[in-house]
Amino acid sequence: MRFAIVRSNAPGCEPTCPEWISAEGAIVAGTPALFKKVLKQVGGRRLPVVVSSPGGDVDAALTLGRTIRQNKLDVAVGLTRFDGCSPGFKDCKLNDGKAAAYYGNAFANGAYCASACPLMLAGGVRRVVGQWAYLGVHQITTTFYRTKVLYRTKYKVVKGKKKIIEKKVVSRKNAGSYKTYEMNKALEKRLDAYFKEMGVGGNLLVTIKNTPATTLRQIVAYNLLQMNLVTSLDGAELLTAAGVCKTVPAAANCRVVTVSDLEG
């Protein structure tokens, strides 16, 4: 998953525009560490996370969700369309001298949050998907890896009995792996506790358990609301539209940029 701090390019929003953290791609073991680096860059500001992800590592998704909740952030399922520089550009200078490295707009159409991604979504204080984004779940796949270990052991005989005096690993070899598509009791207990911690209804866990790992079950907006996985039927615009900076007080993710800021 890659992260980017984005400022809205909506016409007329300057000098006060909303900003957000764009998060797109698969969730892997190193994703929470990358996210924490982004939060350090943000410096304590509560920017919403706009995410689109096929899922990935369950443990990492749980860590992301808890980090999001600890920092009191909101989450929307959505994509970001970049204007000028984008995270894929190397040494891009199009936005030099401006208020932000990245500009763009967030939108829900075509965005998706599947597999382990809803675990990340659950961490948001406000959580929105909207009717144009896709959210899907399925049974969690667990992969077990076998390792063949060869030891060299030295003994000595004490009063007629062998006593180990040294045990050394000679070699380790990959002995294959296997997958299980049924949730074990320990994982079920962890997920149940996590959803309760985040205020999400137990029906979500039931849906995950009852959906084969080879498929995805879409959960429609009304059911998401009933499960409390979303806090309203709004989409990403609730958190990123220019209008959020016109309210009194302005939303927490609005930043004022003055001429002196740009010159400095």
Protein backbone atom coordinates (compact mmCIF):
# COMPACT_ATOMS: atom_id res chain seq x y z
CA MET A 1 0.00 0.00 0.00
CA ARG A 2 1.25 3.48 -0.83
CA PHE A 3 0.29 6.60 1.07
CA ALA A 4 0.20 10.25 0.01
CA ILE A 5 -0.93 13.45 1.72
CA VAL A 6 -3.26 15.22 -0.73
CA ARG A 7 -4.73 18.74 -0.84
CA SER A 8 -8.01 19.39 -2.64
CA ASN A 9 -7.77 21.06 -6.05
CA ALA A 10 -11.43 22.15 -5.98
CA PRO A 11 -11.90 25.54 -7.69
CA GLY A 12 -12.25 28.39 -5.23
CA CYS A 13 -11.34 26.48 -2.08
CA GLU A 14 -8.06 28.32 -1.46
CA PRO A 15 -6.77 29.63 0.85
CA THR A 16 -8.52 27.03 3.04
CA CYS A 17 -8.76 23.58 1.49
CA PRO A 18 -9.39 20.10 2.85
CA GLU A 19 -6.57 17.56 2.89
CA TRP A 20 -6.54 13.79 3.32
CA ILE A 21 -4.31 10.73 3.29
CA SER A 22 -4.68 8.67 0.12
CA ALA A 23 -4.10 4.96 0.78
CA GLU A 24 -4.19 2.58 -2.18
CA GLY A 25 -3.00 -0.98 -2.77
CA ALA A 26 -2.57 -4.24 -0.91
CA ILE A 27 -2.03 -4.36 2.84
CA VAL A 28 1.25 -6.12 3.68
CA ALA A 29 3.24 -6.69 6.87
CA GLY A 30 5.18 -3.45 6.46
CA THR A 31 2.15 -1.24 5.77
CA PRO A 32 1.51 -0.13 9.39
CA ALA A 33 5.09 1.16 9.68
CA LEU A 34 4.68 3.19 6.48
CA PHE A 35 1.41 4.60 7.78
CA LYS A 36 3.02 5.70 11.04
CA LYS A 37 5.68 7.58 9.06
CA VAL A 38 2.93 9.45 7.23
CA LEU A 39 1.26 10.32 10.53
CA LYS A 40 4.55 11.83 11.72
CA GLN A 41 4.59 14.01 8.60
CA VAL A 42 1.03 15.12 9.35
CA GLY A 43 2.16 16.22 12.79
CA GLY A 44 -0.94 15.46 14.82
CA ARG A 45 -3.49 16.85 12.34
CA ARG A 46 -6.55 14.65 11.97
CA LEU A 47 -6.62 13.95 8.24
CA PRO A 48 -9.15 11.39 6.99
CA VAL A 49 -7.90 8.28 5.22
CA VAL A 50 -9.29 7.66 1.72
CA VAL A 51 -8.63 4.00 0.99
CA SER A 52 -9.04 1.57 -1.89
CA SER A 53 -7.56 -1.88 -1.33
CA PRO A 54 -8.04 -5.55 -2.28
CA GLY A 55 -7.06 -6.51 1.27
CA GLY A 56 -4.05 -8.52 2.35
CA ASP A 57 -2.41 -9.26 5.69
CA VAL A 58 -4.99 -9.58 8.50
CA ASP A 59 -2.62 -8.71 11.35
CA ALA A 60 -1.44 -5.59 9.50
CA ALA A 61 -5.04 -4.55 8.80
CA LEU A 62 -5.90 -4.88 12.50
CA THR A 63 -2.86 -2.77 13.43
CA LEU A 64 -3.87 -0.12 10.87
CA GLY A 65 -7.40 -0.02 12.27
CA ARG A 66 -6.19 0.44 15.82
CA THR A 67 -3.70 3.12 14.79
CA ILE A 68 -6.47 4.98 12.97
CA ARG A 69 -8.74 4.83 16.02
CA GLN A 70 -5.97 5.88 18.42
CA ASN A 71 -5.37 8.96 16.26
CA LYS A 72 -9.13 9.67 15.99
CA LEU A 73 -9.15 9.61 12.19
CA ASP A 74 -12.07 9.14 9.80
CA VAL A 75 -11.98 6.66 6.90
CA ALA A 76 -13.70 6.67 3.51
CA VAL A 77 -13.55 4.08 0.75
CA GLY A 78 -12.45 6.04 -2.28
CA LEU A 79 -9.83 6.75 -4.92
CA THR A 80 -7.80 9.90 -5.46
CA ARG A 81 -7.37 11.49 -8.88
CA PHE A 82 -4.13 13.46 -8.80
CA ASP A 83 -3.59 16.81 -10.48
CA GLY A 84 0.00 17.59 -11.49
CA CYS A 85 2.41 15.39 -9.55
CA SER A 86 1.28 11.94 -8.48
CA PRO A 87 3.01 9.37 -6.24
CA GLY A 88 4.10 7.43 -9.34
CA PHE A 89 6.10 10.36 -10.74
CA LYS A 90 9.81 10.55 -9.91
CA ASP A 91 11.37 13.94 -9.14
CA CYS A 92 8.16 15.73 -10.13
CA LYS A 93 8.44 19.51 -9.74
CA LEU A 94 5.03 20.57 -11.06
CA ASN A 95 3.82 21.50 -7.57
CA ASP A 96 7.03 23.18 -6.36
CA GLY A 97 6.28 26.45 -4.61
CA LYS A 98 2.70 25.47 -3.93
CA ALA A 99 1.00 24.58 -0.67
CA ALA A 100 1.33 20.81 -1.03
CA ALA A 101 3.30 18.11 -2.84
CA TYR A 102 0.10 16.49 -4.13
CA TYR A 103 -3.24 17.93 -5.26
CA GLY A 104 -6.33 16.07 -6.37
CA ASN A 105 -9.90 15.10 -5.72
CA ALA A 106 -11.35 12.05 -3.99
CA PHE A 107 -14.19 10.04 -5.52
CA ALA A 108 -15.98 6.78 -4.76
CA ASN A 109 -16.82 5.42 -8.21
CA GLY A 110 -14.66 2.35 -8.87
CA ALA A 111 -13.12 2.27 -5.39
CA TYR A 112 -13.22 -0.97 -3.45
CA CYS A 113 -12.42 -2.32 0.00
CA ALA A 114 -12.26 -6.11 0.14
CA SER A 115 -11.03 -9.03 2.22
CA ALA A 116 -8.91 -7.58 5.08
CA CYS A 117 -9.55 -3.95 4.08
CA PRO A 118 -12.83 -3.68 6.05
CA LEU A 119 -10.78 -4.39 9.19
CA MET A 120 -8.83 -1.21 8.47
CA LEU A 121 -12.04 0.67 7.69
CA ALA A 122 -13.52 -0.36 11.04
CA GLY A 123 -10.90 1.72 12.83
CA GLY A 124 -12.32 5.02 11.60
CA VAL A 125 -14.25 7.29 13.94
CA ARG A 126 -16.51 8.17 11.01
CA ARG A 127 -16.65 5.45 8.35
CA VAL A 128 -18.21 5.90 4.93
CA VAL A 129 -18.41 3.84 1.74
CA GLY A 130 -21.25 5.34 -0.30
CA GLN A 131 -23.31 3.74 -3.05
CA TRP A 132 -20.65 3.95 -5.78
CA ALA A 133 -17.87 2.11 -3.94
CA TYR A 134 -17.65 -1.66 -3.41
CA LEU A 135 -17.12 -3.41 -0.10
CA GLY A 136 -16.72 -7.18 -0.06
CA VAL A 137 -15.76 -9.82 2.50
CA HIS A 138 -14.95 -13.51 2.58
CA GLN A 139 -13.60 -16.22 4.83
CA ILE A 140 -10.03 -15.55 5.92
CA THR A 141 -7.33 -17.77 4.44
CA THR A 142 -4.55 -18.87 6.78
CA THR A 143 -1.29 -20.21 5.35
CA PHE A 144 0.91 -22.54 7.43
CA TYR A 145 4.56 -23.07 6.49
CA ARG A 146 6.50 -26.25 7.31
CA THR A 147 10.23 -26.22 8.01
CA LYS A 148 12.47 -29.30 8.28
CA VAL A 149 15.17 -28.72 10.88
CA LEU A 150 18.23 -30.99 11.24
CA TYR A 151 20.04 -30.93 14.60
CA ARG A 152 23.45 -32.20 15.73
CA THR A 153 23.23 -33.32 19.35
CA LYS A 154 26.05 -34.21 21.72
CA TYR A 155 25.45 -36.37 24.78
CA LYS A 156 27.35 -37.60 27.74
CA VAL A 157 26.44 -40.56 29.89
CA VAL A 158 25.89 -39.81 33.55
CA LYS A 159 25.16 -42.78 35.78
CA GLY A 160 24.03 -44.81 32.80
CA LYS A 161 21.71 -42.10 31.42
CA LYS A 162 22.18 -39.86 28.40
CA LYS A 163 22.42 -36.13 29.13
CA ILE A 164 22.32 -33.54 26.34
CA ILE A 165 25.34 -31.21 26.54
CA GLU A 166 24.95 -29.47 23.15
CA LYS A 167 22.24 -29.16 20.52
CA LYS A 168 23.06 -27.28 17.32
CA VAL A 169 20.99 -26.55 14.23
CA VAL A 170 22.76 -27.97 11.17
CA SER A 171 20.25 -26.99 8.49
CA ARG A 172 16.76 -25.64 7.85
CA LYS A 173 14.78 -26.54 4.74
CA ASN A 174 11.41 -25.44 3.46
CA ALA A 175 9.09 -28.43 3.73
CA GLY A 176 6.15 -26.87 1.92
CA SER A 177 3.01 -25.13 3.07
CA TYR A 178 -0.72 -25.59 3.26
CA LYS A 179 -3.75 -23.33 3.52
CA THR A 180 -6.88 -23.55 5.56
CA TYR A 181 -10.05 -21.74 4.58
CA GLU A 182 -11.84 -22.17 7.88
CA MET A 183 -11.47 -19.65 10.65
CA ASN A 184 -9.91 -21.17 13.73
CA LYS A 185 -11.32 -20.38 17.17
CA ALA A 186 -8.39 -18.20 18.18
CA LEU A 187 -8.74 -15.94 15.13
CA GLU A 188 -12.51 -15.80 15.49
CA LYS A 189 -12.10 -14.68 19.09
CA ARG A 190 -9.58 -11.99 18.06
CA LEU A 191 -11.85 -10.61 15.33
CA ASP A 192 -14.89 -10.67 17.60
CA ALA A 193 -13.00 -8.69 20.24
CA TYR A 194 -11.71 -6.25 17.61
CA PHE A 195 -15.17 -5.53 16.16
CA LYS A 196 -16.57 -4.99 19.66
CA GLU A 197 -13.68 -2.63 20.40
CA MET A 198 -14.49 -0.65 17.24
CA GLY A 199 -18.24 -0.67 17.83
CA VAL A 200 -19.02 -2.83 14.79
CA GLY A 201 -21.88 -5.33 14.95
CA GLY A 202 -21.35 -9.09 15.18
CA ASN A 203 -23.26 -9.68 11.94
CA LEU A 204 -20.14 -8.67 10.01
CA LEU A 205 -18.14 -11.52 11.53
CA VAL A 206 -20.95 -13.96 10.74
CA THR A 207 -20.96 -12.79 7.11
CA ILE A 208 -17.18 -13.21 6.88
CA LYS A 209 -17.36 -16.74 8.30
CA ASN A 210 -20.19 -17.80 5.98
CA THR A 211 -18.62 -16.57 2.73
CA PRO A 212 -16.25 -19.03 0.98
CA ALA A 213 -12.68 -17.79 0.56
CA THR A 214 -12.94 -18.32 -3.20
CA THR A 215 -15.67 -15.69 -3.52
CA LEU A 216 -16.43 -12.15 -2.37
CA ARG A 217 -19.76 -11.15 -0.90
CA GLN A 218 -20.67 -7.54 -1.44
CA ILE A 219 -22.34 -5.85 1.49
CA VAL A 220 -24.70 -3.15 0.30
CA ALA A 221 -24.91 0.29 1.88
CA TYR A 222 -28.02 -0.31 4.01
CA ASN A 223 -26.59 -3.52 5.48
CA LEU A 224 -23.28 -1.79 6.19
CA LEU A 225 -25.23 0.75 8.20
CA GLN A 226 -27.14 -1.98 10.06
CA MET A 227 -23.81 -3.64 10.95
CA ASN A 228 -22.42 -0.25 12.00
CA LEU A 229 -19.42 -0.78 9.74
CA VAL A 230 -20.35 2.61 8.29
CA THR A 231 -21.57 5.49 10.40
CA SER A 232 -23.65 7.09 7.63
CA LEU A 233 -24.69 6.43 4.03
CA ASP A 234 -22.46 9.23 2.72
CA GLY A 235 -19.46 8.76 0.44
CA ALA A 236 -15.91 10.12 0.40
CA GLU A 237 -17.17 13.64 -0.33
CA LEU A 238 -18.39 13.87 3.27
CA LEU A 239 -14.76 14.10 4.35
CA THR A 240 -13.02 15.68 1.36
CA ALA A 241 -15.40 18.09 -0.40
CA ALA A 242 -14.39 21.77 -0.39
CA GLY A 243 -17.57 22.59 1.53
CA VAL A 244 -16.22 20.99 4.73
CA CYS A 245 -13.98 24.06 5.08
CA LYS A 246 -16.90 26.50 4.79
CA THR A 247 -18.54 25.41 8.02
CA VAL A 248 -18.01 27.06 11.40
CA PRO A 249 -15.84 25.68 12.79
CA ALA A 250 -14.12 24.24 9.69
CA ALA A 251 -13.41 20.51 9.58
CA ALA A 252 -10.22 19.31 11.27
CA ASN A 253 -8.62 18.41 7.93
CA CYS A 254 -8.80 21.98 6.56
CA ARG A 255 -5.54 23.92 6.31
CA VAL A 256 -5.17 27.64 5.67
CA VAL A 257 -2.34 28.63 3.32
CA THR A 258 -1.33 32.29 3.09
CA VAL A 259 0.99 34.07 0.67
CA SER A 260 3.64 34.27 3.37
CA ASP A 261 3.43 30.49 3.82
CA LEU A 262 4.18 30.00 0.13
CA GLU A 263 7.03 32.50 0.16
CA GLY A 264 8.50 30.94 3.26
